[in-house]
């Protein structure tokens, strides 16, 4: 279990440190989150907290871009697989645990949860990290390591 959690943390850190933050086009107000359309349930803070209470039975899969993870924050331990990479990364996801997928407002997470459920994974549902925080949950911020200066 300890090695698995270390692996998940390492994968998350590598993913966030290896990509440059994408810059959002300025000026336009943020659009409202679209209505949730997935078949998998959208979880609330209480449901997620209950699942997080048994970490040895759970894998949290965050499907957001690394810049979203560092800017907004996420859950303390998660597997970072961007939504567009999820289908070809299923071999790295344990089938013996319950899965929760995460995006900002659960839109991408719902689609990811549906995809994984369709492939035989045990999926509890999807959560939006920003929704979780709005309901009083605390997100963890991960700062990517600073690049090392070039040495001659």
N, C-alpha and C. Protein backbone atom coordinates (compact mmCIF):
# COMPACT_ATOMS: atom_id res chain seq x y z
N UNK A 1 0.83 -1.19 0.00
CA UNK A 1 0.00 0.00 0.00
C UNK A 1 0.87 1.25 0.00
N UNK A 2 1.89 1.27 0.84
CA UNK A 2 2.76 2.43 0.93
C UNK A 2 3.46 2.69 -0.40
N UNK A 3 3.94 1.61 -1.04
CA UNK A 3 4.61 1.76 -2.33
C UNK A 3 3.64 2.29 -3.38
N UNK A 4 2.41 1.81 -3.35
CA UNK A 4 1.41 2.26 -4.32
C UNK A 4 1.14 3.75 -4.16
N UNK A 5 0.96 4.22 -2.92
CA UNK A 5 0.71 5.63 -2.67
C UNK A 5 1.92 6.47 -3.08
N UNK A 6 3.12 5.95 -2.84
CA UNK A 6 4.32 6.67 -3.27
C UNK A 6 4.36 6.77 -4.79
N UNK A 7 3.98 5.70 -5.47
CA UNK A 7 3.95 5.70 -6.93
C UNK A 7 2.94 6.72 -7.44
N UNK A 8 1.76 6.75 -6.85
CA UNK A 8 0.75 7.71 -7.27
C UNK A 8 1.24 9.14 -7.08
N UNK A 9 1.87 9.42 -5.95
CA UNK A 9 2.39 10.75 -5.69
C UNK A 9 3.49 11.11 -6.68
N UNK A 10 4.37 10.16 -6.96
CA UNK A 10 5.45 10.41 -7.92
C UNK A 10 4.90 10.69 -9.31
N UNK A 11 3.89 9.93 -9.73
CA UNK A 11 3.29 10.15 -11.05
C UNK A 11 2.68 11.55 -11.11
N UNK A 12 2.01 11.96 -10.06
CA UNK A 12 1.39 13.28 -10.03
C UNK A 12 2.45 14.38 -10.09
N UNK A 13 3.52 14.24 -9.34
CA UNK A 13 4.57 15.25 -9.34
C UNK A 13 5.28 15.31 -10.68
N UNK A 14 5.54 14.19 -11.27
CA UNK A 14 6.20 14.17 -12.58
C UNK A 14 5.32 14.84 -13.62
N UNK A 15 4.05 14.52 -13.60
CA UNK A 15 3.13 15.09 -14.58
C UNK A 15 3.04 16.61 -14.43
N UNK A 16 3.00 17.11 -13.20
CA UNK A 16 2.87 18.55 -13.01
C UNK A 16 4.17 19.28 -13.28
N UNK A 17 5.31 18.64 -13.04
CA UNK A 17 6.57 19.33 -13.25
C UNK A 17 7.06 19.25 -14.67
N UNK A 18 6.57 18.31 -15.46
CA UNK A 18 7.10 18.13 -16.81
C UNK A 18 6.38 18.96 -17.86
N UNK A 19 5.27 19.56 -17.51
CA UNK A 19 4.53 20.35 -18.49
C UNK A 19 4.48 21.81 -18.08
N UNK A 20 4.49 22.68 -19.05
CA UNK A 20 4.43 24.12 -18.80
C UNK A 20 2.97 24.52 -18.64
N UNK A 21 2.73 25.43 -17.74
CA UNK A 21 1.36 25.90 -17.53
C UNK A 21 0.80 26.55 -18.79
N UNK A 22 -0.40 26.17 -19.13
CA UNK A 22 -1.06 26.79 -20.27
C UNK A 22 -1.65 28.12 -19.81
N UNK A 23 -1.55 29.11 -20.63
CA UNK A 23 -2.08 30.42 -20.28
C UNK A 23 -3.49 30.55 -20.82
N UNK A 24 -4.37 31.03 -20.01
CA UNK A 24 -5.76 31.19 -20.42
C UNK A 24 -5.92 32.54 -21.11
N UNK A 25 -6.67 32.59 -22.19
CA UNK A 25 -6.90 33.85 -22.89
C UNK A 25 -7.58 34.82 -21.94
N UNK A 26 -7.12 36.04 -21.91
CA UNK A 26 -7.57 37.01 -20.91
C UNK A 26 -8.87 37.69 -21.25
N UNK A 27 -9.47 38.26 -20.23
CA UNK A 27 -10.58 39.16 -20.39
C UNK A 27 -11.96 38.54 -20.31
N UNK A 28 -12.18 37.38 -20.89
CA UNK A 28 -13.52 36.81 -20.94
C UNK A 28 -13.89 36.21 -19.59
N UNK A 29 -15.10 36.48 -19.11
CA UNK A 29 -15.53 35.86 -17.85
C UNK A 29 -15.68 34.35 -18.02
N UNK A 30 -15.47 33.64 -16.96
CA UNK A 30 -15.58 32.18 -16.99
C UNK A 30 -17.03 31.78 -17.26
N UNK A 31 -17.22 30.81 -18.12
CA UNK A 31 -18.55 30.33 -18.44
C UNK A 31 -19.07 29.45 -17.30
N UNK A 32 -20.36 29.41 -17.14
CA UNK A 32 -20.95 28.56 -16.12
C UNK A 32 -20.72 27.10 -16.50
N UNK A 33 -20.57 26.26 -15.51
CA UNK A 33 -20.35 24.83 -15.76
C UNK A 33 -21.58 24.24 -16.45
N UNK A 34 -21.36 23.44 -17.51
CA UNK A 34 -22.51 22.84 -18.19
C UNK A 34 -23.21 21.83 -17.28
N UNK A 35 -24.45 21.53 -17.61
CA UNK A 35 -25.22 20.57 -16.82
C UNK A 35 -24.52 19.20 -16.86
N UNK A 36 -24.54 18.49 -15.75
CA UNK A 36 -23.91 17.18 -15.65
C UNK A 36 -24.73 16.18 -16.45
N UNK A 37 -24.06 15.45 -17.39
CA UNK A 37 -24.79 14.56 -18.29
C UNK A 37 -24.35 13.10 -18.21
N UNK A 38 -23.40 12.78 -17.38
CA UNK A 38 -22.86 11.42 -17.34
C UNK A 38 -23.85 10.45 -16.69
N UNK A 39 -23.65 9.17 -17.00
CA UNK A 39 -24.45 8.11 -16.37
C UNK A 39 -23.96 7.84 -14.95
N UNK A 40 -22.64 7.96 -14.74
CA UNK A 40 -22.06 7.75 -13.40
C UNK A 40 -22.53 8.87 -12.48
N UNK A 41 -22.73 8.57 -11.21
CA UNK A 41 -23.24 9.61 -10.30
C UNK A 41 -22.22 10.73 -10.06
N UNK A 42 -22.76 11.93 -9.89
CA UNK A 42 -21.94 13.07 -9.48
C UNK A 42 -21.95 13.06 -7.95
N UNK A 43 -20.76 12.96 -7.36
CA UNK A 43 -20.64 12.84 -5.92
C UNK A 43 -20.57 14.22 -5.26
N UNK A 44 -21.06 14.29 -4.03
CA UNK A 44 -20.92 15.52 -3.26
C UNK A 44 -19.80 15.36 -2.24
N UNK A 45 -19.51 16.40 -1.50
CA UNK A 45 -18.40 16.40 -0.55
C UNK A 45 -18.53 15.28 0.48
N UNK A 46 -19.71 15.08 1.03
CA UNK A 46 -19.90 14.04 2.05
C UNK A 46 -19.60 12.65 1.49
N UNK A 47 -20.05 12.39 0.27
CA UNK A 47 -19.79 11.08 -0.35
C UNK A 47 -18.30 10.88 -0.60
N UNK A 48 -17.62 11.91 -1.08
CA UNK A 48 -16.18 11.81 -1.35
C UNK A 48 -15.42 11.64 -0.05
N UNK A 49 -15.78 12.40 0.98
CA UNK A 49 -15.10 12.28 2.27
C UNK A 49 -15.25 10.87 2.84
N UNK A 50 -16.42 10.27 2.67
CA UNK A 50 -16.63 8.89 3.15
C UNK A 50 -15.72 7.92 2.40
N UNK A 51 -15.56 8.11 1.09
CA UNK A 51 -14.66 7.25 0.31
C UNK A 51 -13.21 7.49 0.69
N UNK A 52 -12.82 8.74 0.91
CA UNK A 52 -11.44 9.07 1.28
C UNK A 52 -11.07 8.51 2.65
N UNK A 53 -12.07 8.20 3.46
CA UNK A 53 -11.81 7.63 4.79
C UNK A 53 -11.25 6.22 4.71
N UNK A 54 -11.35 5.57 3.56
CA UNK A 54 -10.80 4.22 3.35
C UNK A 54 -9.84 4.26 2.16
N UNK A 55 -8.68 4.92 2.32
CA UNK A 55 -7.77 5.11 1.19
C UNK A 55 -7.21 3.83 0.59
N UNK A 56 -7.17 2.76 1.36
CA UNK A 56 -6.65 1.49 0.85
C UNK A 56 -7.62 0.80 -0.10
N UNK A 57 -8.83 1.33 -0.21
CA UNK A 57 -9.84 0.76 -1.10
C UNK A 57 -10.19 1.69 -2.26
N UNK A 58 -9.45 2.79 -2.40
CA UNK A 58 -9.84 3.85 -3.31
C UNK A 58 -8.68 4.29 -4.19
N UNK A 59 -8.98 4.66 -5.43
CA UNK A 59 -8.04 5.36 -6.30
C UNK A 59 -8.77 6.58 -6.85
N UNK A 60 -8.18 7.74 -6.63
CA UNK A 60 -8.71 8.99 -7.16
C UNK A 60 -7.96 9.28 -8.45
N UNK A 61 -8.69 9.42 -9.55
CA UNK A 61 -8.09 9.69 -10.85
C UNK A 61 -8.48 11.10 -11.27
N UNK A 62 -7.49 11.97 -11.34
CA UNK A 62 -7.72 13.36 -11.73
C UNK A 62 -7.44 13.48 -13.22
N UNK A 63 -8.45 13.88 -13.99
CA UNK A 63 -8.32 13.92 -15.45
C UNK A 63 -8.04 15.34 -15.96
N UNK A 64 -7.69 16.25 -15.07
CA UNK A 64 -7.41 17.62 -15.49
C UNK A 64 -5.97 17.78 -15.99
N UNK A 65 -5.73 18.90 -16.67
CA UNK A 65 -4.38 19.25 -17.12
C UNK A 65 -3.52 19.61 -15.91
N UNK A 66 -2.22 19.42 -16.00
CA UNK A 66 -1.33 19.78 -14.88
C UNK A 66 -1.47 21.23 -14.43
N UNK A 67 -1.67 22.16 -15.35
CA UNK A 67 -1.81 23.56 -14.94
C UNK A 67 -3.07 23.77 -14.10
N UNK A 68 -4.12 23.00 -14.35
CA UNK A 68 -5.33 23.11 -13.54
C UNK A 68 -5.08 22.56 -12.14
N UNK A 69 -4.33 21.48 -12.06
CA UNK A 69 -4.00 20.89 -10.76
C UNK A 69 -3.21 21.87 -9.90
N UNK A 70 -2.20 22.51 -10.50
CA UNK A 70 -1.36 23.42 -9.71
C UNK A 70 -2.10 24.71 -9.39
N UNK A 71 -2.94 25.20 -10.28
CA UNK A 71 -3.65 26.46 -10.05
C UNK A 71 -4.80 26.29 -9.06
N UNK A 72 -5.59 25.23 -9.22
CA UNK A 72 -6.81 25.05 -8.43
C UNK A 72 -6.58 24.16 -7.21
N UNK A 73 -5.75 23.14 -7.37
CA UNK A 73 -5.52 22.18 -6.29
C UNK A 73 -6.32 20.92 -6.51
N UNK A 74 -6.03 19.92 -5.71
CA UNK A 74 -6.71 18.64 -5.86
C UNK A 74 -6.72 17.88 -4.55
N UNK A 75 -6.89 16.60 -4.66
CA UNK A 75 -6.94 15.75 -3.49
C UNK A 75 -5.52 15.33 -3.10
N UNK A 76 -5.30 14.96 -1.83
CA UNK A 76 -3.94 14.72 -1.36
C UNK A 76 -3.19 13.62 -2.13
N UNK A 77 -3.87 12.59 -2.55
CA UNK A 77 -3.23 11.51 -3.30
C UNK A 77 -4.14 11.18 -4.48
N UNK A 78 -3.57 11.16 -5.66
CA UNK A 78 -4.37 10.88 -6.85
C UNK A 78 -3.46 10.36 -7.95
N UNK A 79 -4.09 9.78 -8.93
CA UNK A 79 -3.40 9.34 -10.14
C UNK A 79 -3.78 10.37 -11.20
N UNK A 80 -2.79 11.04 -11.77
CA UNK A 80 -3.04 12.08 -12.76
C UNK A 80 -2.96 11.48 -14.16
N UNK A 81 -4.11 11.38 -14.80
CA UNK A 81 -4.18 10.93 -16.19
C UNK A 81 -5.13 11.88 -16.90
N UNK A 82 -4.62 12.68 -17.82
CA UNK A 82 -5.48 13.62 -18.52
C UNK A 82 -6.57 12.87 -19.28
N UNK A 83 -7.71 13.50 -19.40
CA UNK A 83 -8.88 12.87 -20.01
C UNK A 83 -8.56 12.27 -21.38
N UNK A 84 -7.80 12.97 -22.20
CA UNK A 84 -7.51 12.48 -23.55
C UNK A 84 -6.59 11.26 -23.55
N UNK A 85 -5.91 10.99 -22.43
CA UNK A 85 -4.98 9.86 -22.32
C UNK A 85 -5.58 8.68 -21.56
N UNK A 86 -6.78 8.84 -21.03
CA UNK A 86 -7.35 7.86 -20.11
C UNK A 86 -7.53 6.48 -20.75
N UNK A 87 -8.12 6.43 -21.92
CA UNK A 87 -8.43 5.12 -22.51
C UNK A 87 -7.18 4.28 -22.74
N UNK A 88 -6.09 4.89 -23.17
CA UNK A 88 -4.88 4.11 -23.41
C UNK A 88 -4.05 3.90 -22.14
N UNK A 89 -4.51 4.42 -21.01
CA UNK A 89 -3.78 4.27 -19.74
C UNK A 89 -4.47 3.33 -18.77
N UNK A 90 -5.52 2.65 -19.19
CA UNK A 90 -6.28 1.82 -18.26
C UNK A 90 -5.47 0.67 -17.65
N UNK A 91 -4.40 0.24 -18.33
CA UNK A 91 -3.59 -0.85 -17.78
C UNK A 91 -2.90 -0.45 -16.48
N UNK A 92 -2.76 0.86 -16.23
CA UNK A 92 -2.09 1.35 -15.04
C UNK A 92 -3.06 1.57 -13.87
N UNK A 93 -4.33 1.33 -14.09
CA UNK A 93 -5.34 1.58 -13.07
C UNK A 93 -5.74 0.26 -12.42
N UNK A 94 -5.62 0.16 -11.09
CA UNK A 94 -5.99 -1.10 -10.43
C UNK A 94 -7.49 -1.38 -10.53
N UNK A 95 -7.81 -2.63 -10.84
CA UNK A 95 -9.23 -3.02 -10.96
C UNK A 95 -9.82 -3.47 -9.62
N UNK A 96 -8.97 -3.64 -8.60
CA UNK A 96 -9.46 -4.14 -7.32
C UNK A 96 -9.85 -3.03 -6.36
N UNK A 97 -9.90 -1.80 -6.83
CA UNK A 97 -10.26 -0.68 -5.96
C UNK A 97 -11.41 0.12 -6.56
N UNK A 98 -12.07 0.84 -5.70
CA UNK A 98 -13.12 1.75 -6.14
C UNK A 98 -12.47 3.00 -6.71
N UNK A 99 -13.02 3.51 -7.80
CA UNK A 99 -12.46 4.69 -8.45
C UNK A 99 -13.38 5.89 -8.28
N UNK A 100 -12.76 7.06 -8.13
CA UNK A 100 -13.44 8.34 -8.18
C UNK A 100 -12.68 9.17 -9.19
N UNK A 101 -13.38 9.76 -10.14
CA UNK A 101 -12.73 10.62 -11.13
C UNK A 101 -12.96 12.08 -10.77
N UNK A 102 -11.98 12.93 -11.10
CA UNK A 102 -12.02 14.34 -10.71
C UNK A 102 -11.73 15.23 -11.91
N UNK A 103 -12.49 16.29 -12.04
CA UNK A 103 -12.19 17.40 -12.94
C UNK A 103 -12.61 18.66 -12.19
N UNK A 104 -12.71 19.79 -12.86
CA UNK A 104 -13.04 21.03 -12.14
C UNK A 104 -14.49 21.06 -11.65
N UNK A 105 -15.43 20.71 -12.55
CA UNK A 105 -16.86 20.72 -12.19
C UNK A 105 -17.54 19.41 -12.54
N UNK A 106 -16.76 18.34 -12.68
CA UNK A 106 -17.22 16.97 -12.89
C UNK A 106 -17.67 16.65 -14.31
N UNK A 107 -17.58 17.58 -15.24
CA UNK A 107 -17.96 17.28 -16.62
C UNK A 107 -17.04 16.23 -17.24
N UNK A 108 -15.74 16.53 -17.30
CA UNK A 108 -14.77 15.56 -17.83
C UNK A 108 -14.69 14.34 -16.94
N UNK A 109 -14.83 14.55 -15.63
CA UNK A 109 -14.76 13.43 -14.69
C UNK A 109 -15.92 12.47 -14.90
N UNK A 110 -17.10 13.00 -15.20
CA UNK A 110 -18.26 12.14 -15.47
C UNK A 110 -18.05 11.29 -16.70
N UNK A 111 -17.52 11.92 -17.76
CA UNK A 111 -17.23 11.17 -18.99
C UNK A 111 -16.17 10.11 -18.73
N UNK A 112 -15.16 10.46 -17.93
CA UNK A 112 -14.09 9.50 -17.58
C UNK A 112 -14.66 8.35 -16.75
N UNK A 113 -15.53 8.67 -15.81
CA UNK A 113 -16.15 7.64 -14.97
C UNK A 113 -16.97 6.68 -15.83
N UNK A 114 -17.71 7.21 -16.79
CA UNK A 114 -18.51 6.37 -17.69
C UNK A 114 -17.60 5.46 -18.52
N UNK A 115 -16.50 6.01 -19.03
CA UNK A 115 -15.57 5.22 -19.83
C UNK A 115 -14.99 4.07 -19.00
N UNK A 116 -14.56 4.37 -17.78
CA UNK A 116 -13.97 3.34 -16.92
C UNK A 116 -15.00 2.30 -16.49
N UNK A 117 -16.20 2.73 -16.17
CA UNK A 117 -17.26 1.79 -15.80
C UNK A 117 -17.56 0.85 -16.97
N UNK A 118 -17.54 1.39 -18.18
CA UNK A 118 -17.77 0.58 -19.37
C UNK A 118 -16.68 -0.45 -19.62
N UNK A 119 -15.52 -0.24 -19.04
CA UNK A 119 -14.39 -1.17 -19.18
C UNK A 119 -14.27 -2.11 -17.98
N UNK A 120 -15.29 -2.13 -17.13
CA UNK A 120 -15.33 -3.08 -16.03
C UNK A 120 -14.73 -2.60 -14.72
N UNK A 121 -14.36 -1.33 -14.61
CA UNK A 121 -13.83 -0.81 -13.35
C UNK A 121 -14.99 -0.52 -12.40
N UNK A 122 -14.69 -0.59 -11.11
CA UNK A 122 -15.67 -0.30 -10.06
C UNK A 122 -15.61 1.21 -9.78
N UNK A 123 -16.54 1.97 -10.33
CA UNK A 123 -16.52 3.43 -10.25
C UNK A 123 -17.61 3.91 -9.30
N UNK A 124 -17.20 4.68 -8.27
CA UNK A 124 -18.17 5.25 -7.34
C UNK A 124 -18.87 6.45 -7.97
N UNK A 125 -18.13 7.23 -8.77
CA UNK A 125 -18.70 8.41 -9.41
C UNK A 125 -17.65 9.45 -9.70
N UNK A 126 -18.12 10.66 -9.98
CA UNK A 126 -17.26 11.78 -10.36
C UNK A 126 -17.48 12.94 -9.41
N UNK A 127 -16.45 13.76 -9.26
CA UNK A 127 -16.52 14.95 -8.41
C UNK A 127 -15.83 16.10 -9.12
N UNK A 128 -16.32 17.29 -8.92
CA UNK A 128 -15.64 18.49 -9.37
C UNK A 128 -14.82 19.03 -8.22
N UNK A 129 -13.53 19.25 -8.43
CA UNK A 129 -12.67 19.77 -7.36
C UNK A 129 -13.17 21.13 -6.87
N UNK A 130 -13.57 21.98 -7.79
CA UNK A 130 -14.07 23.29 -7.39
C UNK A 130 -15.42 23.18 -6.69
N UNK A 131 -16.24 22.21 -7.08
CA UNK A 131 -17.51 21.98 -6.40
C UNK A 131 -17.25 21.49 -4.97
N UNK A 132 -16.29 20.57 -4.84
CA UNK A 132 -15.92 20.03 -3.53
C UNK A 132 -15.46 21.16 -2.61
N UNK A 133 -14.62 22.05 -3.15
CA UNK A 133 -14.14 23.18 -2.35
C UNK A 133 -15.27 24.12 -1.99
N UNK A 134 -16.19 24.37 -2.92
CA UNK A 134 -17.33 25.24 -2.66
C UNK A 134 -18.24 24.67 -1.56
N UNK A 135 -18.25 23.34 -1.42
CA UNK A 135 -19.06 22.69 -0.38
C UNK A 135 -18.31 22.64 0.96
N UNK A 136 -17.14 23.26 1.04
CA UNK A 136 -16.40 23.31 2.30
C UNK A 136 -15.21 22.37 2.37
N UNK A 137 -14.95 21.62 1.29
CA UNK A 137 -13.80 20.72 1.27
C UNK A 137 -12.50 21.48 1.07
N UNK A 138 -11.42 20.87 1.51
CA UNK A 138 -10.10 21.48 1.38
C UNK A 138 -9.32 20.76 0.30
N UNK A 139 -8.80 21.53 -0.64
CA UNK A 139 -7.97 20.98 -1.70
C UNK A 139 -6.51 21.17 -1.35
N UNK A 140 -5.67 20.29 -1.86
CA UNK A 140 -4.23 20.36 -1.64
C UNK A 140 -3.59 21.01 -2.85
N UNK A 141 -2.72 21.98 -2.61
CA UNK A 141 -1.99 22.63 -3.70
C UNK A 141 -0.62 21.99 -3.82
N UNK A 142 -0.23 21.69 -5.05
CA UNK A 142 1.09 21.12 -5.31
C UNK A 142 1.85 22.12 -6.17
N UNK A 143 2.98 22.56 -5.66
CA UNK A 143 3.82 23.47 -6.44
C UNK A 143 4.84 22.63 -7.18
N UNK A 144 4.90 22.79 -8.51
CA UNK A 144 5.92 22.02 -9.24
C UNK A 144 7.31 22.50 -8.84
N UNK A 145 8.30 21.60 -8.86
CA UNK A 145 9.64 22.00 -8.48
C UNK A 145 10.19 23.02 -9.48
N UNK A 146 11.02 23.93 -8.97
CA UNK A 146 11.65 24.91 -9.83
C UNK A 146 12.67 24.22 -10.72
N UNK A 147 12.79 24.66 -11.98
CA UNK A 147 13.80 24.04 -12.85
C UNK A 147 15.19 24.30 -12.31
N UNK A 148 16.05 23.31 -12.47
CA UNK A 148 17.43 23.46 -12.01
C UNK A 148 18.20 24.27 -13.04
N UNK A 149 19.05 25.18 -12.56
CA UNK A 149 19.84 25.96 -13.51
C UNK A 149 20.80 25.06 -14.28
N UNK A 150 21.03 25.42 -15.51
CA UNK A 150 21.95 24.64 -16.36
C UNK A 150 23.37 24.80 -15.81
N UNK A 151 24.08 23.70 -15.80
CA UNK A 151 25.49 23.73 -15.35
C UNK A 151 26.37 23.41 -16.53
N UNK A 152 27.54 24.04 -16.53
CA UNK A 152 28.49 23.82 -17.63
C UNK A 152 29.53 22.83 -17.26
